[in-house]
Protein backbone atom coordinates (compact mmCIF):
# COMPACT_ATOMS: atom_id res chain seq x y z
CA LYS A 1 16.40 -33.36 1.49
CA GLN A 2 14.03 -33.36 -1.43
CA ALA A 3 10.67 -35.01 -1.22
CA LEU A 4 8.87 -36.85 -4.01
CA CYS A 5 5.37 -35.85 -4.95
CA ILE A 6 2.91 -35.66 -7.84
CA MET A 7 2.49 -38.42 -10.42
CA ALA A 8 4.77 -37.88 -13.41
CA GLU A 9 5.39 -39.37 -16.86
CA LYS A 10 9.12 -38.80 -17.30
CA PRO A 11 12.10 -41.15 -17.31
CA CYS A 12 13.82 -41.55 -13.93
CA ALA A 13 16.51 -38.89 -13.62
CA ALA A 14 18.91 -41.12 -11.65
CA ASP A 15 22.03 -42.00 -13.62
CA GLY A 16 21.80 -45.51 -15.11
CA CYS A 17 18.14 -46.07 -14.18
CA THR A 18 15.83 -47.09 -17.06
CA ASN A 19 12.57 -47.06 -15.11
CA ASP A 20 9.83 -44.51 -15.62
CA GLY A 21 9.86 -41.58 -13.24
CA THR A 22 6.56 -41.75 -11.39
CA LYS A 23 6.93 -38.76 -9.06
CA LEU A 24 8.31 -35.27 -9.55
CA CYS A 25 10.77 -33.47 -7.32
CA SER A 26 8.52 -31.49 -4.96
CA ARG A 27 10.94 -28.58 -4.84
CA CYS A 28 11.45 -27.77 -8.52
CA GLY A 29 9.04 -30.08 -10.30
CA GLY A 30 11.56 -30.37 -13.12
CA VAL A 31 12.77 -33.96 -12.76
CA ALA A 32 11.14 -37.27 -11.84
CA TYR A 33 12.25 -40.44 -10.08
CA CYS A 34 11.00 -43.98 -9.89
CA SER A 35 11.75 -44.32 -6.19
CA ALA A 36 13.04 -42.55 -3.12
CA GLU A 37 16.24 -44.55 -3.43
CA CYS A 38 16.96 -43.13 -6.92
CA GLN A 39 16.14 -39.67 -5.67
CA ARG A 40 18.69 -40.00 -2.85
CA LYS A 41 21.36 -41.28 -5.23
CA ASP A 42 20.83 -38.35 -7.62
CA TRP A 43 20.51 -35.61 -5.01
CA LYS A 44 24.23 -34.82 -4.91
CA CYS A 45 24.07 -33.76 -8.57
CA HIS A 46 20.52 -32.47 -8.72
CA LYS A 47 20.88 -30.15 -5.71
CA GLN A 48 23.30 -28.02 -7.75
CA VAL A 49 20.47 -26.94 -10.08
CA CYS A 50 17.32 -27.57 -8.03
CA GLN A 51 15.40 -24.34 -7.48
CA LYS A 52 12.04 -23.84 -5.82
CA ALA A 53 9.28 -23.79 -8.40
CA GLU A 54 7.43 -20.46 -8.48
CA THR A 55 3.93 -20.93 -7.13
CA PRO A 56 1.33 -18.43 -5.88
CA GLU A 57 1.97 -19.63 -2.33
CA ARG A 58 5.72 -19.10 -2.61
CA ALA A 59 5.12 -15.68 -4.13
CA VAL A 60 3.14 -14.76 -0.99
CA GLU A 61 5.94 -16.15 1.20
CA GLU A 62 8.45 -13.91 -0.58
CA LEU A 63 6.20 -10.85 -0.19
CA LEU A 64 5.96 -11.54 3.54
CA ARG A 65 9.73 -11.91 3.74
CA GLN A 66 10.05 -8.48 2.09
CA GLY A 67 7.49 -6.95 4.49
CA ARG A 68 5.11 -6.08 1.63
CA LEU A 69 2.02 -6.94 3.64
CA TRP A 70 -0.53 -5.02 1.56
CA THR A 71 0.36 -6.91 -1.60
CA ALA A 72 0.77 -10.20 0.29
CA ARG A 73 -2.72 -9.96 1.77
CA ASN A 74 -4.27 -9.21 -1.60
CA ARG A 75 -2.42 -12.11 -3.24
CA LEU A 76 -3.43 -14.39 -0.39
CA ALA A 77 -7.08 -13.45 -0.87
CA GLU A 78 -6.83 -14.52 -4.52
CA LEU A 79 -5.75 -18.08 -3.66
CA PRO A 80 -8.59 -20.61 -3.93
CA LYS A 81 -7.52 -22.30 -0.67
CA PRO A 82 -4.99 -20.19 1.25
CA SER A 83 -3.03 -22.26 3.73
CA LYS A 84 -3.49 -21.73 7.45
CA SER A 85 0.27 -21.29 7.84
CA LEU A 86 0.35 -18.39 5.35
CA ILE A 87 -2.62 -16.72 7.05
CA SER A 88 -0.88 -17.14 10.41
CA ASP A 89 2.38 -15.74 9.03
CA LEU A 90 0.55 -12.68 7.67
CA GLU A 91 -1.15 -12.04 11.02
CA GLU A 92 2.19 -12.39 12.82
CA HIS A 93 3.80 -9.84 10.48
CA LEU A 94 0.88 -7.42 10.92
CA SER A 95 1.09 -7.67 14.72
CA ALA A 96 4.79 -6.77 14.75
CA GLY A 97 4.02 -3.14 13.92
CA ILE A 98 7.25 -2.60 11.98
CA TYR A 99 6.28 -3.25 8.37
CA SER A 100 5.15 -0.75 5.75
CA GLU A 101 4.86 -0.73 1.98
CA VAL A 102 5.02 2.02 -0.62
CA ILE A 103 2.59 0.44 -3.06
CA GLU A 104 3.95 0.10 -6.60
CA ASP A 105 6.55 2.81 -5.88
CA SER A 106 3.81 5.43 -6.14
CA VAL A 107 5.50 8.03 -3.89
CA ARG A 108 8.99 8.89 -2.70
CA LEU A 109 10.46 10.99 0.13
CA GLU A 110 11.94 14.35 -0.84
CA SER A 111 12.93 17.53 0.96
CA GLN A 112 10.06 20.02 1.25
CA GLY A 113 12.04 23.03 2.46
CA PRO A 114 10.93 24.31 5.88
CA CYS A 115 8.50 21.39 6.23
CA GLY A 116 11.34 18.89 6.19
CA ALA A 117 11.02 15.70 4.17
CA GLY A 118 7.68 14.71 2.72
CA TYR A 119 6.22 12.39 0.13
CA VAL A 120 5.81 13.43 -3.50
CA ALA A 121 4.07 11.59 -6.32
CA ALA A 122 6.58 9.46 -8.24
CA ARG A 123 4.20 9.48 -11.22
CA ASP A 124 0.70 10.71 -12.02
CA LEU A 125 -1.69 9.35 -9.39
CA GLN A 126 -5.40 8.68 -9.75
CA PRO A 127 -8.17 9.36 -7.18
CA GLY A 128 -8.61 6.38 -4.88
CA GLN A 129 -5.21 4.89 -5.74
CA PRO A 130 -3.58 3.17 -2.72
CA LEU A 131 -0.20 4.74 -1.98
CA VAL A 132 1.27 3.63 1.35
CA PHE A 133 0.33 0.85 3.77
CA ASP A 134 1.66 0.90 7.32
CA THR A 135 1.31 -1.00 10.59
CA ALA A 136 1.09 0.66 14.01
CA PHE A 137 4.04 0.31 16.35
CA CYS A 138 1.63 1.11 19.20
CA TRP A 139 -1.70 2.83 19.89
CA ALA A 140 -3.48 4.53 22.78
CA PRO A 141 -6.91 5.90 23.78
CA LEU A 142 -7.28 9.67 23.84
CA GLN A 143 -9.29 9.57 27.05
CA GLY A 144 -7.35 7.04 29.11
CA SER A 145 -6.07 7.17 32.67
CA GLN A 146 -3.12 9.26 31.45
CA GLU A 147 -2.25 11.42 28.45
CA TYR A 148 -2.11 9.38 25.25
CA PHE A 149 1.51 10.31 24.58
CA TYR A 150 2.57 8.81 27.93
CA THR A 151 0.89 5.55 26.97
CA ILE A 152 2.52 5.55 23.53
CA CYS A 153 5.87 6.33 25.15
CA GLU A 154 5.56 3.46 27.63
CA LYS A 155 4.48 0.94 24.98
CA ALA A 156 7.20 1.99 22.55
CA ILE A 157 9.97 1.83 25.15
CA ARG A 158 8.73 -1.53 26.35
CA LYS A 159 8.93 -2.93 22.80
CA GLY A 160 12.27 -1.26 22.20
CA HIS A 161 13.90 -2.75 25.28
CA ARG A 162 12.67 -6.32 25.17
CA ASP A 163 15.24 -9.06 25.38
CA ARG A 164 16.36 -9.27 21.76
CA ARG A 165 17.30 -12.91 22.30
CA ALA A 166 13.72 -13.83 23.11
CA SER A 167 12.59 -14.10 19.48
CA ALA A 168 13.25 -12.81 15.99
CA LYS A 169 10.17 -10.60 16.37
CA ALA A 170 11.45 -9.01 19.58
CA ASP A 171 14.82 -8.40 17.94
CA ALA A 172 13.21 -6.77 14.89
CA GLN A 173 10.97 -4.57 17.06
CA SER A 174 13.91 -3.41 19.15
CA GLU A 175 15.91 -2.55 16.06
CA PHE A 176 12.94 -0.70 14.53
CA PHE A 177 12.46 1.28 17.74
CA HIS A 178 16.05 2.51 17.83
CA ASP A 179 16.48 3.06 14.09
CA ARG A 180 13.08 4.33 12.97
CA VAL A 181 10.86 5.39 15.88
CA LYS A 182 13.49 7.41 17.77
CA ALA A 183 14.47 9.15 14.51
CA LEU A 184 10.99 10.64 14.01
CA ALA A 185 10.41 14.37 14.40
CA THR A 186 9.72 15.81 17.86
CA LYS A 187 6.98 18.27 18.75
CA ASP A 188 9.67 20.81 19.64
CA ALA A 189 12.12 20.74 16.74
CA HIS A 190 14.95 21.76 19.08
CA LEU A 191 14.21 19.25 21.85
CA ARG A 192 17.18 17.03 21.10
CA ASN A 193 19.49 20.00 21.68
CA TYR A 194 17.98 20.56 25.14
CA LEU A 195 18.36 16.98 26.34
CA ASP A 196 21.76 16.96 27.98
CA ASP A 197 23.70 14.94 30.48
CA THR A 198 21.98 16.55 33.47
CA LEU A 199 19.22 13.96 32.99
CA ASP A 200 19.74 10.23 33.26
CA GLU A 201 19.44 8.18 30.09
CA GLU A 202 16.05 6.71 31.02
CA LYS A 203 14.52 10.14 31.65
CA ARG A 204 15.92 11.57 28.42
CA GLU A 205 14.43 8.70 26.44
CA GLN A 206 11.02 9.17 28.08
CA ILE A 207 10.95 12.89 27.28
CA LEU A 208 12.06 12.22 23.71
CA LEU A 209 9.44 9.54 23.12
CA CYS A 210 6.62 11.65 24.58
CA SER A 211 7.54 14.47 22.20
CA ILE A 212 7.75 12.06 19.24
CA ALA A 213 4.33 10.66 20.14
CA GLU A 214 2.76 14.14 20.24
CA ALA A 215 4.29 15.09 16.90
CA ASN A 216 3.52 11.90 15.01
CA CYS A 217 0.49 10.01 16.30
CA LEU A 218 -2.50 10.03 13.97
CA TYR A 219 -6.21 9.68 14.71
CA CYS A 220 -7.65 6.25 13.93
CA THR A 221 -10.29 7.06 11.32
CA SER A 222 -12.32 3.96 12.19
CA ASP A 223 -12.37 5.08 15.84
CA ASP A 224 -11.13 8.63 16.43
CA ALA A 225 -11.21 8.12 20.18
CA HIS A 226 -7.83 6.45 19.63
CA VAL A 227 -4.52 7.40 18.06
CA ALA A 228 -1.71 5.23 16.73
CA LEU A 229 1.93 5.65 15.81
CA PHE A 230 2.63 4.78 12.16
CA ALA A 231 6.32 5.43 11.60
CA THR A 232 6.18 5.53 7.80
CA ILE A 233 2.89 7.36 7.26
CA ALA A 234 3.97 9.91 9.91
CA ARG A 235 6.35 11.27 7.27
CA PHE A 236 3.46 12.67 5.20
CA ASN A 237 3.09 16.41 5.71
CA HIS A 238 -0.19 18.02 6.73
CA SER A 239 -2.58 20.16 4.74
CA CYS A 240 -5.98 21.49 5.74
CA ALA A 241 -7.03 20.70 2.15
CA PRO A 242 -5.16 17.43 1.59
CA ASN A 243 -4.88 15.66 -1.75
CA ALA A 244 -4.69 12.23 -0.04
CA GLU A 245 -6.69 10.63 2.73
CA LEU A 246 -5.93 8.31 5.62
CA GLU A 247 -7.87 5.15 6.40
CA SER A 248 -6.72 3.71 9.72
CA SER A 249 -7.51 1.47 12.65
CA ARG A 250 -5.53 0.89 15.83
CA THR A 251 -3.25 -1.57 14.04
CA GLU A 252 -2.91 -0.58 10.38
CA ALA A 253 -3.31 2.33 8.01
CA LEU A 254 -3.59 3.06 4.30
CA VAL A 255 -3.09 6.36 2.49
CA ARG A 256 -5.02 6.79 -0.77
CA ALA A 257 -4.94 9.58 -3.31
CA LYS A 258 -8.00 11.79 -2.77
CA THR A 259 -7.65 13.69 -6.03
CA ALA A 260 -5.64 13.33 -9.22
CA ILE A 261 -2.04 14.17 -8.25
CA PRO A 262 0.49 15.03 -10.99
CA ALA A 263 3.98 13.53 -10.79
CA GLY A 264 6.32 15.61 -8.63
CA THR A 265 3.52 17.13 -6.54
CA GLU A 266 3.71 16.80 -2.77
CA VAL A 267 1.19 14.33 -1.37
CA THR A 268 -0.41 15.54 1.87
CA ILE A 269 -2.84 14.17 4.44
CA SER A 270 -4.72 15.81 7.29
CA TYR A 271 -3.52 15.26 10.82
CA LEU A 272 -7.03 16.09 12.01
CA PRO A 273 -10.26 14.12 11.48
CA ASP A 274 -12.41 15.48 8.65
CA ARG A 275 -14.97 16.76 11.16
CA LEU A 276 -12.37 19.14 12.62
CA LEU A 277 -11.03 20.56 9.36
CA ASP A 278 -13.85 23.09 9.08
CA ASP A 279 -13.70 23.95 12.77
CA ALA A 280 -12.60 27.51 13.51
CA GLY A 281 -10.05 26.20 15.97
CA ARG A 282 -8.26 23.80 13.61
CA ARG A 283 -5.06 25.87 13.47
CA GLU A 284 -4.93 26.18 17.25
CA ARG A 285 -5.39 22.40 17.55
CA LEU A 286 -2.39 21.88 15.28
CA LYS A 287 -0.32 24.47 17.12
CA THR A 288 -0.99 23.15 20.62
CA GLY A 289 -1.29 19.48 19.71
CA ARG A 290 1.41 19.06 17.06
CA GLY A 291 3.65 22.06 17.68
CA PHE A 292 3.49 23.89 14.33
CA ALA A 293 1.67 26.84 12.78
CA CYS A 294 0.06 25.54 9.61
CA ARG A 295 1.07 27.35 6.42
CA CYS A 296 -0.72 25.12 3.91
CA GLY A 297 -2.33 26.50 0.73
CA ARG A 298 -5.77 26.62 2.31
CA CYS A 299 -4.59 28.57 5.34
CA GLU A 300 -2.76 31.02 3.07
CA ALA A 301 -5.82 31.40 0.79
CA GLU A 302 -7.99 32.14 3.84
CA GLY A 303 -5.53 34.83 5.01
CA LEU A 304 -4.68 32.97 8.20
CA VAL A 305 -0.93 32.74 7.75
CA GLU A 306 1.05 35.34 9.67
CA ALA A 307 4.31 36.72 8.33
CA VAL A 308 6.39 34.85 10.89
CA SER A 309 8.54 31.77 10.74
CA GLY A 310 6.59 28.53 10.83
CA TYR A 311 5.52 25.73 8.62
CA GLY A 312 2.67 23.39 7.86
CA GLY A 313 3.52 19.76 8.25
CA GLN A 314 6.32 17.77 9.79
CA SER A 315 9.90 18.71 10.38
CA GLU A 316 13.18 16.84 10.33
């Protein structure tokens, strides 16, 4: 039912009532009533046209519903007194690890030949411009009790196989795991062809997820002793001289343009921390850690690219 709120100076909207409307409909704010009784009598007619009034708070609610958390957080910060429920809803969405946002449609996925799909600038981009925001499905320390990709694998499978009836969040995470995480590229591009029926389903999934973790996890720039799996940002291809940069923690990440990027140009990030880009062993790190021989413009300009098949960046 509607609720009455806010003092108003309109005639009562109930049919036949001649009293002044003292309170507006709290949902649309477009009509007023003199009493709750008149409001109840008129609801059968008014509900046909009653629409929620657009407010900054409802705009944030809609952004959260769409999973546009970057924009929602910025809009929330602009409110003079953001409600505790909206703040809690934002934190709940961030913790799910399944939401990402291409900010203002700045980039789009396109085929990049041997590198597979990658992001290109949808229009001219300016240095420092935010491009893509993402949340981590899971994270792991690099120096834990086991290899980081085992930890990522275990966490991802655990989220993917929760009881989907437990909550809407568990259901959404399970769906994201099967539809998005398991579709990411593997370290060995041919791995899926090798996984056959000689292995049980559980073992095949573990091997697949370990390979996905190795091929897609990114260093946390705020703490590069950890890595995290960002399913959307993982689709950026690598360059040793990237035109975009990653800002990330264990739970969220943002890609910004590092230089001016003309429309139609591929947008690249570095899979390595900045401190390792000038290291003589950077290409070997990429080969052993990510499974590809880098063929980016910088590697070619430095004469490091051999005349063999290979690619710089992601595949699939």
